[in-house]
Amino acid sequence: MIKELFQSVKSHFLKYASSLKVERHLFLRLEGSMM
């Protein structure tokens, strides 16, 4: 359930950040720290 929510947020964020490399890089770093 939480994983599905995270995937939904992740896909939405990737669409939003497709042109914002800084935000995307920051998000990937945040995701890496969570795992």
N, C-alpha and C. Protein backbone atom coordinates (compact mmCIF):
# COMPACT_ATOMS: atom_id res chain seq x y z
N MET A 1 0.83 -1.20 0.00
CA MET A 1 0.00 0.00 0.00
C MET A 1 0.88 1.26 0.00
N ILE A 2 1.83 1.32 0.94
CA ILE A 2 2.74 2.45 0.98
C ILE A 2 3.61 2.47 -0.27
N LYS A 3 4.03 1.29 -0.71
CA LYS A 3 4.88 1.21 -1.91
C LYS A 3 4.13 1.73 -3.13
N GLU A 4 2.85 1.40 -3.25
CA GLU A 4 2.05 1.89 -4.38
C GLU A 4 1.95 3.41 -4.34
N LEU A 5 1.73 3.95 -3.15
CA LEU A 5 1.65 5.40 -2.99
C LEU A 5 2.96 6.05 -3.39
N PHE A 6 4.07 5.46 -2.95
CA PHE A 6 5.38 5.99 -3.27
C PHE A 6 5.63 5.97 -4.77
N GLN A 7 5.24 4.88 -5.44
CA GLN A 7 5.40 4.77 -6.89
C GLN A 7 4.58 5.85 -7.60
N SER A 8 3.37 6.11 -7.09
CA SER A 8 2.51 7.12 -7.69
C SER A 8 3.15 8.50 -7.56
N VAL A 9 3.63 8.80 -6.36
CA VAL A 9 4.29 10.09 -6.13
C VAL A 9 5.55 10.20 -6.98
N LYS A 10 6.30 9.11 -7.05
CA LYS A 10 7.55 9.09 -7.81
C LYS A 10 7.28 9.35 -9.30
N SER A 11 6.31 8.67 -9.88
CA SER A 11 6.02 8.84 -11.29
C SER A 11 5.54 10.27 -11.57
N HIS A 12 4.69 10.80 -10.67
CA HIS A 12 4.20 12.16 -10.82
C HIS A 12 5.35 13.15 -10.74
N PHE A 13 6.26 12.92 -9.78
CA PHE A 13 7.38 13.83 -9.59
C PHE A 13 8.34 13.77 -10.78
N LEU A 14 8.56 12.58 -11.32
CA LEU A 14 9.46 12.45 -12.47
C LEU A 14 8.90 13.20 -13.68
N LYS A 15 7.57 13.17 -13.85
CA LYS A 15 6.95 13.93 -14.94
C LYS A 15 7.19 15.42 -14.73
N TYR A 16 7.02 15.87 -13.49
CA TYR A 16 7.19 17.28 -13.16
C TYR A 16 8.65 17.70 -13.30
N ALA A 17 9.57 16.82 -12.90
CA ALA A 17 10.99 17.16 -12.86
C ALA A 17 11.74 16.79 -14.13
N SER A 18 11.01 16.38 -15.17
CA SER A 18 11.68 15.96 -16.40
C SER A 18 12.56 17.07 -16.97
N SER A 19 12.20 18.33 -16.69
CA SER A 19 12.99 19.46 -17.17
C SER A 19 13.73 20.16 -16.04
N LEU A 20 13.63 19.59 -14.84
CA LEU A 20 14.28 20.21 -13.68
C LEU A 20 15.31 19.25 -13.11
N LYS A 21 16.48 19.22 -13.72
CA LYS A 21 17.49 18.23 -13.35
C LYS A 21 17.91 18.37 -11.89
N VAL A 22 17.94 19.57 -11.39
CA VAL A 22 18.36 19.78 -10.00
C VAL A 22 17.38 19.10 -9.06
N GLU A 23 16.08 19.34 -9.26
CA GLU A 23 15.07 18.72 -8.41
C GLU A 23 15.13 17.21 -8.52
N ARG A 24 15.29 16.71 -9.74
CA ARG A 24 15.32 15.26 -9.94
C ARG A 24 16.53 14.66 -9.24
N HIS A 25 17.67 15.31 -9.36
CA HIS A 25 18.89 14.82 -8.71
C HIS A 25 18.70 14.81 -7.19
N LEU A 26 18.08 15.87 -6.66
CA LEU A 26 17.84 15.95 -5.23
C LEU A 26 16.89 14.84 -4.79
N PHE A 27 15.86 14.58 -5.59
CA PHE A 27 14.90 13.53 -5.27
C PHE A 27 15.56 12.16 -5.28
N LEU A 28 16.41 11.91 -6.27
CA LEU A 28 17.10 10.62 -6.34
C LEU A 28 18.01 10.44 -5.13
N ARG A 29 18.65 11.52 -4.70
CA ARG A 29 19.49 11.45 -3.50
C ARG A 29 18.64 11.16 -2.28
N LEU A 30 17.47 11.79 -2.20
CA LEU A 30 16.56 11.57 -1.07
C LEU A 30 16.07 10.13 -1.06
N GLU A 31 15.70 9.62 -2.24
CA GLU A 31 15.24 8.23 -2.36
C GLU A 31 16.35 7.27 -1.94
N GLY A 32 17.57 7.56 -2.37
CA GLY A 32 18.70 6.70 -2.02
C GLY A 32 18.94 6.66 -0.52
N SER A 33 18.73 7.78 0.14
CA SER A 33 18.95 7.83 1.59
C SER A 33 17.84 7.08 2.34
N MET A 34 16.66 6.96 1.71
CA MET A 34 15.54 6.28 2.36
C MET A 34 15.70 4.76 2.30
N MET A 35 16.38 4.27 1.28
CA MET A 35 16.51 2.82 1.10
C MET A 35 17.61 2.22 1.97
